[in-house]
């Protein structure tokens, strides 16, 4: 819930006057976590921010056409390599592929049964 900037400054002023966070919380009907955050903002920035910048937390969007084209051109690329190309994380690539129904090459694992078949065929020769 967004609180008016006046309420935020009043809460911090009450804290400066010596009231406890719990008292201010009950007086203004605001959570103690909000009051702690406002107090911290005053200490760090010298003011209370009304809007918050979340641009640093937003993951880059992977355009489905670019991702599909890259996977077609580099069909043996691993998720780690794709993530490095698009400058994002491996889970971001995984979920983008899943969300857009894009298939990519999986790592071929050697199985014991597959090794036994190749050993048996070489013994017969």
Protein backbone atom coordinates (compact mmCIF):
# COMPACT_ATOMS: atom_id res chain seq x y z
CA UNK A 1 0.00 0.00 0.00
CA UNK A 2 1.41 3.38 -0.96
CA UNK A 3 1.43 5.93 1.83
CA UNK A 4 1.52 9.68 1.35
CA UNK A 5 4.91 11.30 1.61
CA UNK A 6 3.62 13.46 4.48
CA UNK A 7 2.77 10.37 6.53
CA UNK A 8 6.20 8.94 5.87
CA UNK A 9 7.99 12.08 6.99
CA UNK A 10 5.72 12.35 10.04
CA UNK A 11 6.59 8.78 11.04
CA UNK A 12 10.32 9.50 10.77
CA UNK A 13 9.90 12.76 12.69
CA UNK A 14 8.13 10.89 15.50
CA UNK A 15 11.01 8.43 15.63
CA UNK A 16 13.46 11.33 15.89
CA UNK A 17 11.44 12.71 18.81
CA UNK A 18 12.07 9.47 20.68
CA UNK A 19 8.94 7.43 20.11
CA UNK A 20 9.37 3.70 19.47
CA UNK A 21 8.70 2.09 16.11
CA UNK A 22 5.89 0.03 17.61
CA UNK A 23 4.16 3.14 18.99
CA UNK A 24 4.48 5.03 15.69
CA UNK A 25 3.24 1.92 13.87
CA UNK A 26 0.07 1.74 15.97
CA UNK A 27 -0.46 5.51 15.92
CA UNK A 28 -0.30 5.81 12.13
CA UNK A 29 -1.69 2.34 11.39
CA UNK A 30 1.40 1.42 9.39
CA UNK A 31 3.55 -1.71 9.57
CA UNK A 32 6.83 -1.58 11.45
CA UNK A 33 8.69 -2.84 8.39
CA UNK A 34 7.56 0.23 6.43
CA UNK A 35 8.69 2.52 9.22
CA UNK A 36 12.10 0.82 9.35
CA UNK A 37 12.45 1.20 5.57
CA UNK A 38 11.54 4.91 5.69
CA UNK A 39 14.03 5.50 8.51
CA UNK A 40 16.73 3.71 6.51
CA UNK A 41 15.96 5.81 3.42
CA UNK A 42 16.37 9.02 5.42
CA UNK A 43 19.71 7.78 6.74
CA UNK A 44 20.99 6.61 3.34
CA UNK A 45 19.56 9.14 0.89
CA UNK A 46 18.65 12.09 3.10
CA UNK A 47 15.05 11.92 1.93
CA UNK A 48 12.20 9.47 1.55
CA UNK A 49 11.75 8.22 -1.98
CA UNK A 50 8.16 8.17 -3.21
CA UNK A 51 8.83 5.84 -6.13
CA UNK A 52 11.25 2.96 -6.24
CA UNK A 53 13.60 2.17 -9.09
CA UNK A 54 13.34 -1.50 -9.89
CA UNK A 55 15.15 -1.31 -13.24
CA UNK A 56 18.19 -3.02 -11.75
CA UNK A 57 16.08 -6.08 -10.92
CA UNK A 58 14.34 -6.45 -14.27
CA UNK A 59 15.72 -9.31 -16.34
CA UNK A 60 16.43 -8.63 -20.00
CA UNK A 61 13.73 -9.88 -22.31
CA UNK A 62 14.75 -12.52 -24.80
CA UNK A 63 13.05 -11.90 -28.11
CA UNK A 64 11.64 -15.25 -29.32
CA UNK A 65 12.64 -14.69 -32.97
CA UNK A 66 16.24 -13.83 -32.07
CA UNK A 67 16.46 -16.78 -29.70
CA UNK A 68 15.03 -19.18 -32.30
CA UNK A 69 17.39 -17.89 -34.97
CA UNK A 70 20.42 -18.19 -32.68
CA UNK A 71 19.50 -21.77 -31.78
CA UNK A 72 19.04 -22.64 -35.48
CA UNK A 73 22.42 -21.13 -36.34
CA UNK A 74 24.16 -22.72 -33.36
CA UNK A 75 22.22 -25.93 -32.93
CA UNK A 76 24.80 -27.52 -30.65
CA UNK A 77 25.11 -24.54 -28.29
CA UNK A 78 24.56 -25.23 -24.63
CA UNK A 79 22.30 -23.09 -22.45
CA UNK A 80 25.38 -21.56 -20.85
CA UNK A 81 26.67 -20.42 -24.25
CA UNK A 82 23.27 -19.04 -25.26
CA UNK A 83 23.03 -17.14 -21.98
CA UNK A 84 26.50 -15.65 -22.54
CA UNK A 85 25.50 -14.55 -26.05
CA UNK A 86 22.33 -12.80 -24.84
CA UNK A 87 23.99 -11.50 -21.64
CA UNK A 88 21.52 -13.16 -19.29
CA UNK A 89 21.32 -16.13 -16.95
CA UNK A 90 20.96 -19.80 -17.84
CA UNK A 91 17.52 -20.04 -16.16
CA UNK A 92 16.35 -17.04 -18.20
CA UNK A 93 17.23 -18.87 -21.41
CA UNK A 94 15.67 -22.09 -20.16
CA UNK A 95 12.37 -20.43 -19.25
CA UNK A 96 12.32 -18.34 -22.44
CA UNK A 97 12.71 -21.52 -24.49
CA UNK A 98 10.04 -23.24 -22.45
CA UNK A 99 7.67 -20.27 -22.61
CA UNK A 100 8.03 -19.94 -26.39
CA UNK A 101 8.04 -23.70 -27.03
CA UNK A 102 11.53 -23.59 -28.51
CA UNK A 103 13.44 -26.86 -28.40
CA UNK A 104 17.20 -26.96 -28.15
CA UNK A 105 19.81 -29.68 -28.24
CA UNK A 106 20.11 -31.62 -25.05
CA UNK A 107 23.42 -33.00 -23.88
CA UNK A 108 23.83 -36.60 -25.05
CA UNK A 109 24.63 -38.79 -22.09
CA UNK A 110 26.43 -42.08 -22.51
CA UNK A 111 24.53 -44.86 -20.82
CA UNK A 112 25.85 -48.15 -19.58
CA UNK A 113 23.43 -50.10 -21.77
CA UNK A 114 24.57 -48.09 -24.81
CA UNK A 115 28.21 -48.89 -24.00
CA UNK A 116 27.44 -52.58 -23.62
CA UNK A 117 25.85 -52.73 -27.08
CA UNK A 118 28.90 -51.11 -28.69
CA UNK A 119 31.27 -53.48 -26.82
CA UNK A 120 29.23 -56.53 -27.84
CA UNK A 121 29.17 -55.47 -31.49
CA UNK A 122 32.94 -54.94 -31.52
CA UNK A 123 33.55 -58.41 -30.01
CA UNK A 124 31.54 -60.10 -32.76
CA UNK A 125 33.81 -58.72 -35.48
